[in-house]
C-alpha atoms as a PDB file:
ATOM      1  CA  MET A   1     214.027  34.460  73.328  1.00  0.00           C
ATOM      2  CA  LYS A   2     213.782  37.530  75.537  1.00  0.00           C
ATOM      3  CA  LEU A   3     214.278  41.173  74.606  1.00  0.00           C
ATOM      4  CA  GLN A   4     217.010  41.355  77.244  1.00  0.00           C
ATOM      5  CA  TYR A   5     219.080  38.858  75.193  1.00  0.00           C
ATOM      6  CA  LEU A   6     219.154  41.041  72.082  1.00  0.00           C
ATOM      7  CA  GLY A   7     222.686  41.947  71.083  1.00  0.00           C
ATOM      8  CA  ASP A   8     224.605  39.750  73.536  1.00  0.00           C
ATOM      9  CA  SER A   9     227.448  37.333  72.700  1.00  0.00           C
ATOM     10  CA  LYS A  10     225.046  34.464  71.942  1.00  0.00           C
ATOM     11  CA  ASP A  11     223.177  36.770  69.572  1.00  0.00           C
ATOM     12  CA  SER A  12     226.467  37.519  67.812  1.00  0.00           C
ATOM     13  CA  PHE A  13     227.035  33.799  67.195  1.00  0.00           C
ATOM     14  CA  LYS A  14     223.370  33.270  66.341  1.00  0.00           C
ATOM     15  CA  TRP A  15     223.128  35.851  63.573  1.00  0.00           C
ATOM     16  CA  ASP A  16     226.622  35.323  62.202  1.00  0.00           C
ATOM     17  CA  TYR A  17     226.082  31.576  61.873  1.00  0.00           C
ATOM     18  CA  HIS A  18     222.557  31.671  60.445  1.00  0.00           C
ATOM     19  CA  ASP A  19     223.544  34.325  57.924  1.00  0.00           C
ATOM     20  CA  TYR A  20     226.423  32.080  56.839  1.00  0.00           C
ATOM     21  CA  LEU A  21     224.247  28.947  56.777  1.00  0.00           C
ATOM     22  CA  THR A  22     221.410  30.483  54.758  1.00  0.00           C
ATOM     23  CA  ASN A  23     223.816  32.079  52.298  1.00  0.00           C
ATOM     24  CA  ASN A  24     225.784  28.921  51.690  1.00  0.00           C
ATOM     25  CA  LEU A  25     222.700  26.771  51.272  1.00  0.00           C
ATOM     26  CA  GLY A  26     221.551  29.334  48.712  1.00  0.00           C
ATOM     27  CA  TYR A  27     218.052  29.435  50.187  1.00  0.00           C
ATOM     28  CA  PRO A  28     215.843  32.503  49.683  1.00  0.00           C
ATOM     29  CA  CYS A  29     214.446  32.740  53.210  1.00  0.00           C
ATOM     30  CA  LEU A  30     215.491  32.619  56.863  1.00  0.00           C
ATOM     31  CA  ASN A  31     212.202  32.075  58.694  1.00  0.00           C
ATOM     32  CA  ILE A  32     212.527  32.836  62.419  1.00  0.00           C
ATOM     33  CA  LEU A  33     210.276  31.638  65.236  1.00  0.00           C
ATOM     34  CA  LEU A  34     211.505  33.757  68.144  1.00  0.00           C
ATOM     35  CA  MET A  35     209.351  31.960  70.764  1.00  0.00           C
ATOM     36  CA  MET A  36     209.318  35.155  72.843  1.00  0.00           C
ATOM     37  CA  THR A  37     208.991  35.103  76.648  1.00  0.00           C
ATOM     38  CA  PRO A  38     208.942  38.088  79.065  1.00  0.00           C
ATOM     39  CA  ASP A  39     212.180  39.540  80.405  1.00  0.00           C
ATOM     40  CA  ASP A  40     213.203  38.511  83.913  1.00  0.00           C
ATOM     41  CA  GLN A  41     215.340  40.026  86.669  1.00  0.00           C
ATOM     42  CA  SER A  42     218.467  37.997  85.876  1.00  0.00           C
ATOM     43  CA  ASP A  43     221.784  39.251  84.520  1.00  0.00           C
ATOM     44  CA  ASN A  44     221.420  37.067  81.421  1.00  0.00           C
ATOM     45  CA  GLY A  45     221.925  38.940  78.165  1.00  0.00           C
ATOM     46  CA  LYS A  46     224.591  41.361  79.405  1.00  0.00           C
ATOM     47  CA  THR A  47     227.609  39.834  77.640  1.00  0.00           C
ATOM     48  CA  SER A  48     229.211  41.859  74.856  1.00  0.00           C
ATOM     49  CA  PRO A  49     228.556  40.859  71.219  1.00  0.00           C
ATOM     50  CA  SER A  50     232.304  41.125  70.610  1.00  0.00           C
ATOM     51  CA  ASP A  51     232.879  38.181  72.984  1.00  0.00           C
ATOM     52  CA  PHE A  52     232.048  36.093  69.944  1.00  0.00           C
ATOM     53  CA  HIS A  53     234.362  37.236  67.166  1.00  0.00           C
ATOM     54  CA  SER A  54     231.862  37.582  64.329  1.00  0.00           C
ATOM     55  CA  LYS A  55     232.037  39.886  61.322  1.00  0.00           C
ATOM     56  CA  VAL A  56     232.162  43.583  62.136  1.00  0.00           C
ATOM     57  CA  GLU A  57     228.805  43.966  60.368  1.00  0.00           C
ATOM     58  CA  ILE A  58     227.277  41.488  62.818  1.00  0.00           C
ATOM     59  CA  ILE A  59     228.867  43.177  65.839  1.00  0.00           C
ATOM     60  CA  ASN A  60     227.417  46.519  64.768  1.00  0.00           C
ATOM     61  CA  PHE A  61     224.069  44.861  64.041  1.00  0.00           C
ATOM     62  CA  CYS A  62     223.994  43.408  67.562  1.00  0.00           C
ATOM     63  CA  LYS A  63     224.880  46.747  69.116  1.00  0.00           C
ATOM     64  CA  GLU A  64     221.916  48.286  67.329  1.00  0.00           C
ATOM     65  CA  LEU A  65     219.609  45.471  68.453  1.00  0.00           C
ATOM     66  CA  ARG A  66     220.743  46.043  72.030  1.00  0.00           C
ATOM     67  CA  GLU A  67     220.231  49.797  71.826  1.00  0.00           C
ATOM     68  CA  PHE A  68     216.774  49.829  70.258  1.00  0.00           C
ATOM     69  CA  ARG A  69     215.340  46.438  71.352  1.00  0.00           C
ATOM     70  CA  ASN A  70     213.227  46.405  68.210  1.00  0.00           C
ATOM     71  CA  LEU A  71     212.530  42.900  66.926  1.00  0.00           C
ATOM     72  CA  ASN A  72     211.733  44.181  63.439  1.00  0.00           C
ATOM     73  CA  LEU A  73     215.392  45.188  63.088  1.00  0.00           C
ATOM     74  CA  ILE A  74     216.199  41.476  62.782  1.00  0.00           C
ATOM     75  CA  THR A  75     214.744  41.554  59.267  1.00  0.00           C
ATOM     76  CA  GLU A  76     217.610  43.892  58.329  1.00  0.00           C
ATOM     77  CA  LEU A  77     220.220  41.146  58.864  1.00  0.00           C
ATOM     78  CA  PRO A  78     220.782  40.281  55.172  1.00  0.00           C
ATOM     79  CA  ASN A  79     220.963  43.959  54.253  1.00  0.00           C
ATOM     80  CA  ARG A  80     223.743  44.477  56.789  1.00  0.00           C
ATOM     81  CA  THR A  81     225.804  41.546  55.468  1.00  0.00           C
ATOM     82  CA  GLY A  82     225.129  42.040  51.757  1.00  0.00           C
ATOM     83  CA  SER A  83     223.142  38.806  51.521  1.00  0.00           C
ATOM     84  CA  LYS A  84     220.322  38.005  49.094  1.00  0.00           C
ATOM     85  CA  TYR A  85     217.883  36.024  51.248  1.00  0.00           C
ATOM     86  CA  ILE A  86     214.998  37.596  53.165  1.00  0.00           C
ATOM     87  CA  VAL A  87     214.149  37.269  56.860  1.00  0.00           C
ATOM     88  CA  LYS A  88     210.609  36.456  57.976  1.00  0.00           C
ATOM     89  CA  LEU A  89     209.550  36.760  61.613  1.00  0.00           C
ATOM     90  CA  HIS A  90     206.770  34.363  62.588  1.00  0.00           C
ATOM     91  CA  LYS A  91     204.348  36.014  65.042  1.00  0.00           C
ATOM     92  CA  PRO A  92     207.070  38.169  66.671  1.00  0.00           C
ATOM     93  CA  ASN A  93     204.633  40.086  68.883  1.00  0.00           C
ATOM     94  CA  ILE A  94     203.215  36.976  70.562  1.00  0.00           C
ATOM     95  CA  ASN A  95     204.721  35.536  73.750  1.00  0.00           C
ATOM     96  CA  ILE A  96     204.628  31.750  73.704  1.00  0.00           C
ATOM     97  CA  THR A  97     202.901  30.005  76.617  1.00  0.00           C
ATOM     98  CA  ASN A  98     201.883  26.442  77.347  1.00  0.00           C
ATOM     99  CA  LYS A  99     198.315  27.414  76.438  1.00  0.00           C
ATOM    100  CA  ASN A 100     198.910  28.918  72.988  1.00  0.00           C
ATOM    101  CA  ARG A 101     201.531  26.540  71.591  1.00  0.00           C
ATOM    102  CA  THR A 102     199.248  24.971  68.972  1.00  0.00           C
ATOM    103  CA  SER A 103     198.123  28.312  67.555  1.00  0.00           C
ATOM    104  CA  TYR A 104     201.661  29.718  67.739  1.00  0.00           C
ATOM    105  CA  PHE A 105     203.015  26.979  65.470  1.00  0.00           C
ATOM    106  CA  SER A 106     200.154  27.310  62.974  1.00  0.00           C
ATOM    107  CA  ASN A 107     200.357  29.004  59.579  1.00  0.00           C
ATOM    108  CA  ILE A 108     204.100  28.588  59.118  1.00  0.00           C
ATOM    109  CA  ALA A 109     205.167  30.127  55.823  1.00  0.00           C
ATOM    110  CA  ALA A 110     206.180  27.146  53.665  1.00  0.00           C
ATOM    111  CA  GLU A 111     208.536  28.375  50.968  1.00  0.00           C
ATOM    112  CA  LYS A 112     209.926  25.611  48.771  1.00  0.00           C
ATOM    113  CA  ASP A 113     213.324  25.605  50.504  1.00  0.00           C
ATOM    114  CA  GLN A 114     214.176  27.643  53.577  1.00  0.00           C
ATOM    115  CA  VAL A 115     216.032  27.746  56.869  1.00  0.00           C
ATOM    116  CA  ILE A 116     213.637  27.780  59.820  1.00  0.00           C
ATOM    117  CA  PHE A 117     215.269  28.936  63.047  1.00  0.00           C
ATOM    118  CA  LEU A 118     213.579  28.215  66.389  1.00  0.00           C
ATOM    119  CA  ASP A 119     214.836  30.302  69.312  1.00  0.00           C
ATOM    120  CA  PRO A 120     213.441  28.940  72.609  1.00  0.00           C
ATOM    121  CA  ASP A 121     215.069  30.242  75.790  1.00  0.00           C
ATOM    122  CA  ASN A 122     216.448  26.817  76.749  1.00  0.00           C
ATOM    123  CA  GLY A 123     216.052  24.485  73.749  1.00  0.00           C
ATOM    124  CA  PHE A 124     214.455  21.047  73.403  1.00  0.00           C
ATOM    125  CA  GLN A 125     212.087  19.721  76.040  1.00  0.00           C
ATOM    126  CA  PRO A 126     213.926  17.847  78.814  1.00  0.00           C
ATOM    127  CA  ASP A 127     213.112  14.384  80.131  1.00  0.00           C
ATOM    128  CA  GLY A 128     210.835  15.784  82.807  1.00  0.00           C
ATOM    129  CA  LYS A 129     208.330  18.617  82.631  1.00  0.00           C
ATOM    130  CA  PHE A 130     208.506  21.197  79.844  1.00  0.00           C
ATOM    131  CA  ASN A 131     207.563  24.861  79.910  1.00  0.00           C
ATOM    132  CA  LYS A 132     207.431  27.913  77.657  1.00  0.00           C
ATOM    133  CA  LYS A 133     211.236  27.949  77.453  1.00  0.00           C
ATOM    134  CA  HIS A 134     211.310  24.705  75.471  1.00  0.00           C
ATOM    135  CA  VAL A 135     210.326  23.453  72.020  1.00  0.00           C
ATOM    136  CA  LEU A 136     208.586  20.077  71.986  1.00  0.00           C
ATOM    137  CA  TYR A 137     209.646  17.158  69.805  1.00  0.00           C
ATOM    138  CA  GLY A 138     206.089  16.834  68.553  1.00  0.00           C
ATOM    139  CA  GLU A 139     206.216  20.464  67.402  1.00  0.00           C
ATOM    140  CA  ILE A 140     209.384  19.758  65.428  1.00  0.00           C
ATOM    141  CA  ASN A 141     207.661  16.775  63.828  1.00  0.00           C
ATOM    142  CA  CYS A 142     204.693  18.941  62.792  1.00  0.00           C
ATOM    143  CA  LEU A 143     207.042  21.492  61.230  1.00  0.00           C
ATOM    144  CA  LEU A 144     208.869  18.808  59.273  1.00  0.00           C
ATOM    145  CA  GLU A 145     205.573  17.578  57.859  1.00  0.00           C
ATOM    146  CA  LYS A 146     204.749  21.052  56.531  1.00  0.00           C
ATOM    147  CA  ILE A 147     208.036  22.053  54.879  1.00  0.00           C
ATOM    148  CA  SER A 148     209.969  20.884  51.829  1.00  0.00           C
ATOM    149  CA  ASP A 149     212.324  17.911  52.018  1.00  0.00           C
ATOM    150  CA  ASN A 150     215.380  20.130  51.524  1.00  0.00           C
ATOM    151  CA  SER A 151     214.455  22.738  54.113  1.00  0.00           C
ATOM    152  CA  VAL A 152     216.531  22.948  57.297  1.00  0.00           C
ATOM    153  CA  ILE A 153     215.284  23.479  60.837  1.00  0.00           C
ATOM    154  CA  SER A 154     217.815  24.954  63.275  1.00  0.00           C
ATOM    155  CA  VAL A 155     217.079  24.944  67.023  1.00  0.00           C
ATOM    156  CA  PHE A 156     218.774  26.930  69.790  1.00  0.00           C
ATOM    157  CA  GLN A 157     219.978  24.638  72.578  1.00  0.00           C
ATOM    158  CA  HIS A 158     221.510  25.976  75.787  1.00  0.00           C
ATOM    159  CA  PHE A 159     224.014  23.902  77.747  1.00  0.00           C
ATOM    160  CA  ARG A 160     222.265  21.645  80.261  1.00  0.00           C
ATOM    161  CA  ARG A 161     224.834  19.954  82.501  1.00  0.00           C
ATOM    162  CA  ARG A 162     225.989  17.295  80.047  1.00  0.00           C
ATOM    163  CA  ASN A 163     228.556  17.778  77.308  1.00  0.00           C
ATOM    164  CA  PHE A 164     227.132  18.767  73.953  1.00  0.00           C
ATOM    165  CA  GLY A 165     228.214  15.516  72.287  1.00  0.00           C
ATOM    166  CA  GLU A 166     226.119  13.489  74.715  1.00  0.00           C
ATOM    167  CA  ASP A 167     223.234  15.938  74.555  1.00  0.00           C
ATOM    168  CA  PHE A 168     223.257  15.859  70.755  1.00  0.00           C
ATOM    169  CA  LYS A 169     222.925  12.057  70.737  1.00  0.00           C
ATOM    170  CA  LYS A 170     220.041  12.229  73.199  1.00  0.00           C
ATOM    171  CA  ILE A 171     218.267  14.893  71.132  1.00  0.00           C
ATOM    172  CA  ARG A 172     218.841  12.954  67.901  1.00  0.00           C
ATOM    173  CA  ASP A 173     217.495   9.713  69.379  1.00  0.00           C
ATOM    174  CA  ARG A 174     214.350  11.440  70.662  1.00  0.00           C
ATOM    175  CA  LEU A 175     213.798  13.157  67.312  1.00  0.00           C
ATOM    176  CA  LEU A 176     214.009   9.826  65.500  1.00  0.00           C
ATOM    177  CA  LYS A 177     211.242   8.420  67.691  1.00  0.00           C
ATOM    178  CA  TYR A 178     208.912  10.965  66.108  1.00  0.00           C
ATOM    179  CA  THR A 179     210.026  11.134  62.501  1.00  0.00           C
ATOM    180  CA  PRO A 180     212.807  10.017  60.132  1.00  0.00           C
ATOM    181  CA  CYS A 181     215.284  12.883  59.822  1.00  0.00           C
ATOM    182  CA  PHE A 182     218.981  13.639  59.635  1.00  0.00           C
ATOM    183  CA  VAL A 183     220.733  15.773  62.235  1.00  0.00           C
ATOM    184  CA  ALA A 184     223.927  17.804  62.716  1.00  0.00           C
ATOM    185  CA  ALA A 185     225.059  20.444  65.184  1.00  0.00           C
ATOM    186  CA  ILE A 186     227.529  23.227  65.835  1.00  0.00           C
ATOM    187  CA  TYR A 187     228.378  24.697  69.230  1.00  0.00           C
ATOM    188  CA  TRP A 188     230.348  27.418  70.988  1.00  0.00           C
ATOM    189  CA  ASN A 189     230.679  28.128  74.687  1.00  0.00           C
ATOM    190  CA  PHE A 190     227.278  27.330  76.273  1.00  0.00           C
ATOM    191  CA  LEU A 191     225.261  27.399  73.042  1.00  0.00           C
ATOM    192  CA  MET A 192     224.508  24.747  70.398  1.00  0.00           C
ATOM    193  CA  PHE A 193     222.469  24.925  67.208  1.00  0.00           C
ATOM    194  CA  VAL A 194     220.914  21.602  66.222  1.00  0.00           C
ATOM    195  CA  CYS A 195     220.097  21.395  62.508  1.00  0.00           C
ATOM    196  CA  LEU A 196     217.785  18.789  61.017  1.00  0.00           C
ATOM    197  CA  SER A 197     216.234  17.974  57.672  1.00  0.00           C
ATOM    198  CA  LYS A 198     214.284  15.201  55.974  1.00  0.00           C
ATOM    199  CA  SER A 199     217.066  15.057  53.377  1.00  0.00           C
ATOM    200  CA  LYS A 200     220.343  13.222  54.053  1.00  0.00           C
ATOM    201  CA  GLU A 201     221.947  15.124  51.179  1.00  0.00           C
ATOM    202  CA  THR A 202     220.893  18.464  52.661  1.00  0.00           C
ATOM    203  CA  ILE A 203     222.317  17.652  56.087  1.00  0.00           C
ATOM    204  CA  GLY A 204     225.504  16.574  54.330  1.00  0.00           C
ATOM    205  CA  LYS A 205     225.676  20.094  52.920  1.00  0.00           C
ATOM    206  CA  VAL A 206     225.048  21.540  56.394  1.00  0.00           C
ATOM    207  CA  VAL A 207     227.915  19.492  57.833  1.00  0.00           C
ATOM    208  CA  LYS A 208     230.291  20.842  55.163  1.00  0.00           C
ATOM    209  CA  ILE A 209     229.059  24.382  55.776  1.00  0.00           C
ATOM    210  CA  ASN A 210     229.622  23.928  59.522  1.00  0.00           C
ATOM    211  CA  GLU A 211     233.157  22.645  58.932  1.00  0.00           C
ATOM    212  CA  ASN A 212     233.949  25.594  56.686  1.00  0.00           C
ATOM    213  CA  TYR A 213     232.452  28.009  59.205  1.00  0.00           C
ATOM    214  CA  LYS A 214     234.614  26.509  61.928  1.00  0.00           C
ATOM    215  CA  LYS A 215     237.731  27.007  59.791  1.00  0.00           C
ATOM    216  CA  MET A 216     237.049  30.655  59.022  1.00  0.00           C
ATOM    217  CA  GLU A 217     236.277  31.731  62.612  1.00  0.00           C
ATOM    218  CA  ILE A 218     238.803  32.356  65.391  1.00  0.00           C
ATOM    219  CA  ASN A 219     236.321  31.235  68.036  1.00  0.00           C
ATOM    220  CA  LYS A 220     236.560  27.767  69.594  1.00  0.00           C
ATOM    221  CA  ILE A 221     233.709  26.246  67.570  1.00  0.00           C
ATOM    222  CA  ASN A 222     232.966  22.527  67.452  1.00  0.00           C
ATOM    223  CA  VAL A 223     230.823  20.603  64.979  1.00  0.00           C
ATOM    224  CA  ILE A 224     228.917  17.315  65.310  1.00  0.00           C
ATOM    225  CA  SER A 225     227.597  15.137  62.503  1.00  0.00           C
ATOM    226  CA  ASP A 226     224.973  12.395  62.653  1.00  0.00           C
END
C-alpha cells in the first residue's frame, strides 16, 4: 500500500468489499496490515473512486482519504457505513522492508474471530525473487497459526499477466504446500482478493457472501471457489 493509492478505484472496491465481508460474517474486527511502502513517481492511484460503483458512503469515504491522506481515517470505515465491527490498523506508521518483515508480522492482535486484510502493493510472492511489495507464503502460514480457526485472511493480489483463474490455482497450490487451508477469491478489473481460512465451513460462508456481493453490485465482478 502507498499513500498515493488512497481513494482510487481499487480503494473503492477494497473498502466496499471488506465492509460487506466483515458485516456478513458477523465478526467484530477488521484487522488491517497495510504493508506500507513509499510513494513513487508513477501515475498509479489516480483513478476515480467512482470507477468502481460502490455505495455512496464508500465513494465519499474514498474522496476524504484522497484529500487528507491520513491512514487513521481508515478506522472510520464502519462508522461511515453504519456497521458494528471495529477497524484495527497493525503498525500503520511502519514501512515494510525485506529487513523488518519478521518484526512487522509480530504481535498480531488475535481476537477470537476476525477478518485480517493484508494489503501488499503487488500481492503474493512470485516464483522468482520477492521484495517489499509482496507477502510471503511463510508469513501467511505464521498468521494462520496465530489466529482462530474461523478467522479469515484476505490478501490483495494485483493482476500479473495470467488470468485470475489460473493465478488463483497457482496461489492455492503454493499455500497448501505450507499449511492445510481453504481458499476462495473475488476479482474486478486488475484486482483480486484471495480469502483463506483453516475452516472449510467458514470459506463456504465466504463463497456465499461473494456470490451475494456479486449479485448486488453493477460492476463486472467474478468469484472463484476452491
